[in-house]
Each structure stands twice: as C-alpha cells, then as structure tokens.
Amino acid sequence: MRLVLERVRNHVMSPRMPASKLKEIVACLGFDSVEAFGAHIGLEKRTAESWARYGLSRDAGQLLLALLNYRLRLLSAMTDFEKMTQIPLDMFFEDHLLP
C-alpha cells in the first residue's frame, strides 16, 4: 500500500518535468522529437504524444536526465579516446544506431 501511495504522490503532487525540458533532452540525445524518441524505445505513440504535450512525471524525468548525463560522459570519453588514438568512435556508434 505504501508503494501505491508513493506512486500516486509522485504522479499527482510532485512537479513534472515540463514538455519544453523534455524536448531539449531528447534533442540532446539525438532525436528530432519526443515522438521519434518514443518510437526508438518502443513507446506507444499516444504515450509519446502525451509526454510531448504534458511532460514527464518526476521519476521518469530523473531517469531521462540520468540517461542524458551518461550520454554526455560517454561523448566526453569518446573525444578523449579519439584524441589519444586518432580512431573515430562517433561513426561506429552511428553505424550501430547507438544514441
């Protein structure tokens, strides 16, 4: 019961991530839109449309920010690797459709 109440509180009372912030994050992750991001991760179209309009719950927003933080750290590490080895990793990631 406690977990159910916590989930309700997170979705109803906690501040949501605004749709504008969500759009910025999915753009930083390399997607043209929230809908494109949703399609890539297998999200139902109506859910992606709802996210694009109303934003995300606090929990989902935190998870997405963690994903963005990971991507930024990965890009930094790739840049450092390329400087030391002269081997470009960005094309490898693009060829394998990695965000």
C-alpha atoms as a PDB file:
ATOM      1  CA  MET A   1       0.000   0.000   0.000  1.00  0.00           C
ATOM      2  CA  ARG A   2       2.855   2.365   0.852  1.00  0.00           C
ATOM      3  CA  LEU A   3       4.348   1.937  -2.629  1.00  0.00           C
ATOM      4  CA  VAL A   4       0.999   2.609  -4.289  1.00  0.00           C
ATOM      5  CA  LEU A   5       0.586   5.820  -2.296  1.00  0.00           C
ATOM      6  CA  GLU A   6       4.146   6.868  -3.165  1.00  0.00           C
ATOM      7  CA  ARG A   7       3.469   6.294  -6.866  1.00  0.00           C
ATOM      8  CA  VAL A   8       0.256   8.322  -6.727  1.00  0.00           C
ATOM      9  CA  ARG A   9       2.055  11.137  -4.901  1.00  0.00           C
ATOM     10  CA  ASN A  10       4.849  11.161  -7.495  1.00  0.00           C
ATOM     11  CA  HIS A  11       2.393  11.416 -10.364  1.00  0.00           C
ATOM     12  CA  VAL A  12      -0.055  13.848  -8.792  1.00  0.00           C
ATOM     13  CA  MET A  13       1.805  16.079  -6.365  1.00  0.00           C
ATOM     14  CA  SER A  14       5.465  16.098  -7.413  1.00  0.00           C
ATOM     15  CA  PRO A  15       6.436  18.658 -10.035  1.00  0.00           C
ATOM     16  CA  ARG A  16       6.558  17.239 -13.534  1.00  0.00           C
ATOM     17  CA  MET A  17       9.369  17.762 -15.995  1.00  0.00           C
ATOM     18  CA  PRO A  18       7.955  20.362 -18.401  1.00  0.00           C
ATOM     19  CA  ALA A  19       7.439  19.332 -22.017  1.00  0.00           C
ATOM     20  CA  SER A  20       9.913  22.018 -23.123  1.00  0.00           C
ATOM     21  CA  LYS A  21      12.660  20.470 -20.957  1.00  0.00           C
ATOM     22  CA  LEU A  22      11.787  17.005 -22.252  1.00  0.00           C
ATOM     23  CA  LYS A  23      12.119  18.232 -25.837  1.00  0.00           C
ATOM     24  CA  GLU A  24      15.552  19.706 -25.039  1.00  0.00           C
ATOM     25  CA  ILE A  25      16.704  16.427 -23.530  1.00  0.00           C
ATOM     26  CA  VAL A  26      15.539  14.222 -26.403  1.00  0.00           C
ATOM     27  CA  ALA A  27      17.236  16.640 -28.825  1.00  0.00           C
ATOM     28  CA  CYS A  28      20.473  16.279 -26.825  1.00  0.00           C
ATOM     29  CA  LEU A  29      20.044  12.514 -27.073  1.00  0.00           C
ATOM     30  CA  GLY A  30      19.985  12.879 -30.864  1.00  0.00           C
ATOM     31  CA  PHE A  31      16.276  12.672 -31.649  1.00  0.00           C
ATOM     32  CA  ASP A  32      14.206  15.127 -33.687  1.00  0.00           C
ATOM     33  CA  SER A  33      11.167  14.884 -31.430  1.00  0.00           C
ATOM     34  CA  VAL A  34       9.681  13.212 -28.381  1.00  0.00           C
ATOM     35  CA  GLU A  35       7.688  11.029 -30.766  1.00  0.00           C
ATOM     36  CA  ALA A  36      10.880   9.904 -32.556  1.00  0.00           C
ATOM     37  CA  PHE A  37      12.476   9.114 -29.196  1.00  0.00           C
ATOM     38  CA  GLY A  38       9.366   7.198 -28.158  1.00  0.00           C
ATOM     39  CA  ALA A  39       9.347   5.191 -31.385  1.00  0.00           C
ATOM     40  CA  HIS A  40      13.023   4.331 -30.888  1.00  0.00           C
ATOM     41  CA  ILE A  41      12.448   2.956 -27.386  1.00  0.00           C
ATOM     42  CA  GLY A  42       9.213   1.145 -28.296  1.00  0.00           C
ATOM     43  CA  LEU A  43       6.853   3.540 -26.554  1.00  0.00           C
ATOM     44  CA  GLU A  44       3.227   3.626 -27.653  1.00  0.00           C
ATOM     45  CA  LYS A  45       2.558   6.600 -29.925  1.00  0.00           C
ATOM     46  CA  ARG A  46      -0.173   8.011 -27.682  1.00  0.00           C
ATOM     47  CA  THR A  47       2.181   7.934 -24.680  1.00  0.00           C
ATOM     48  CA  ALA A  48       4.889   9.808 -26.595  1.00  0.00           C
ATOM     49  CA  GLU A  49       2.303  12.377 -27.690  1.00  0.00           C
ATOM     50  CA  SER A  50       1.174  12.798 -24.081  1.00  0.00           C
ATOM     51  CA  TRP A  51       4.781  13.261 -22.931  1.00  0.00           C
ATOM     52  CA  ALA A  52       5.374  15.837 -25.672  1.00  0.00           C
ATOM     53  CA  ARG A  53       2.327  17.777 -24.535  1.00  0.00           C
ATOM     54  CA  TYR A  54       2.353  17.403 -20.741  1.00  0.00           C
ATOM     55  CA  GLY A  55       5.930  16.461 -19.873  1.00  0.00           C
ATOM     56  CA  LEU A  56       7.081  13.607 -17.663  1.00  0.00           C
ATOM     57  CA  SER A  57       6.493  12.502 -14.119  1.00  0.00           C
ATOM     58  CA  ARG A  58       9.273  13.372 -11.707  1.00  0.00           C
ATOM     59  CA  ASP A  59      10.574   9.788 -11.584  1.00  0.00           C
ATOM     60  CA  ALA A  60      10.651   9.355 -15.352  1.00  0.00           C
ATOM     61  CA  GLY A  61      12.279  12.775 -15.716  1.00  0.00           C
ATOM     62  CA  GLN A  62      15.043  11.799 -13.294  1.00  0.00           C
ATOM     63  CA  LEU A  63      15.670   8.623 -15.256  1.00  0.00           C
ATOM     64  CA  LEU A  64      15.850  10.518 -18.531  1.00  0.00           C
ATOM     65  CA  LEU A  65      18.246  13.076 -17.023  1.00  0.00           C
ATOM     66  CA  ALA A  66      20.461  10.208 -15.849  1.00  0.00           C
ATOM     67  CA  LEU A  67      20.455   8.824 -19.395  1.00  0.00           C
ATOM     68  CA  LEU A  68      21.436  12.221 -20.775  1.00  0.00           C
ATOM     69  CA  ASN A  69      24.196  12.566 -18.178  1.00  0.00           C
ATOM     70  CA  TYR A  70      25.508   9.136 -19.184  1.00  0.00           C
ATOM     71  CA  ARG A  71      25.466  10.132 -22.863  1.00  0.00           C
ATOM     72  CA  LEU A  72      27.374  13.339 -22.162  1.00  0.00           C
ATOM     73  CA  ARG A  73      30.008  11.443 -20.162  1.00  0.00           C
ATOM     74  CA  LEU A  74      30.269   8.897 -22.973  1.00  0.00           C
ATOM     75  CA  LEU A  75      30.739  11.632 -25.578  1.00  0.00           C
ATOM     76  CA  SER A  76      33.457  13.202 -23.448  1.00  0.00           C
ATOM     77  CA  ALA A  77      35.215   9.847 -23.075  1.00  0.00           C
ATOM     78  CA  MET A  78      34.934   9.236 -26.827  1.00  0.00           C
ATOM     79  CA  THR A  79      36.515  12.616 -27.540  1.00  0.00           C
ATOM     80  CA  ASP A  80      39.392  11.864 -25.180  1.00  0.00           C
ATOM     81  CA  PHE A  81      39.844   8.409 -26.737  1.00  0.00           C
ATOM     82  CA  GLU A  82      39.894   9.865 -30.249  1.00  0.00           C
ATOM     83  CA  LYS A  83      42.481  12.475 -29.256  1.00  0.00           C
ATOM     84  CA  MET A  84      44.797   9.786 -27.904  1.00  0.00           C
ATOM     85  CA  THR A  85      44.293   7.149 -30.612  1.00  0.00           C
ATOM     86  CA  GLN A  86      43.109   9.055 -33.689  1.00  0.00           C
ATOM     87  CA  ILE A  87      40.380   6.403 -34.040  1.00  0.00           C
ATOM     88  CA  PRO A  88      36.918   7.983 -34.521  1.00  0.00           C
ATOM     89  CA  LEU A  89      34.211   6.289 -32.479  1.00  0.00           C
ATOM     90  CA  ASP A  90      31.286   8.511 -33.460  1.00  0.00           C
ATOM     91  CA  MET A  91      30.872   6.810 -36.847  1.00  0.00           C
ATOM     92  CA  PHE A  92      30.920   3.402 -35.142  1.00  0.00           C
ATOM     93  CA  PHE A  93      28.110   4.497 -32.842  1.00  0.00           C
ATOM     94  CA  GLU A  94      26.121   5.982 -35.735  1.00  0.00           C
ATOM     95  CA  ASP A  95      26.560   2.812 -37.823  1.00  0.00           C
ATOM     96  CA  HIS A  96      25.185   0.749 -34.948  1.00  0.00           C
ATOM     97  CA  LEU A  97      22.332   3.204 -34.298  1.00  0.00           C
ATOM     98  CA  LEU A  98      23.511   3.927 -30.766  1.00  0.00           C
ATOM     99  CA  PRO A  99      22.246   7.198 -29.285  1.00  0.00           C
END
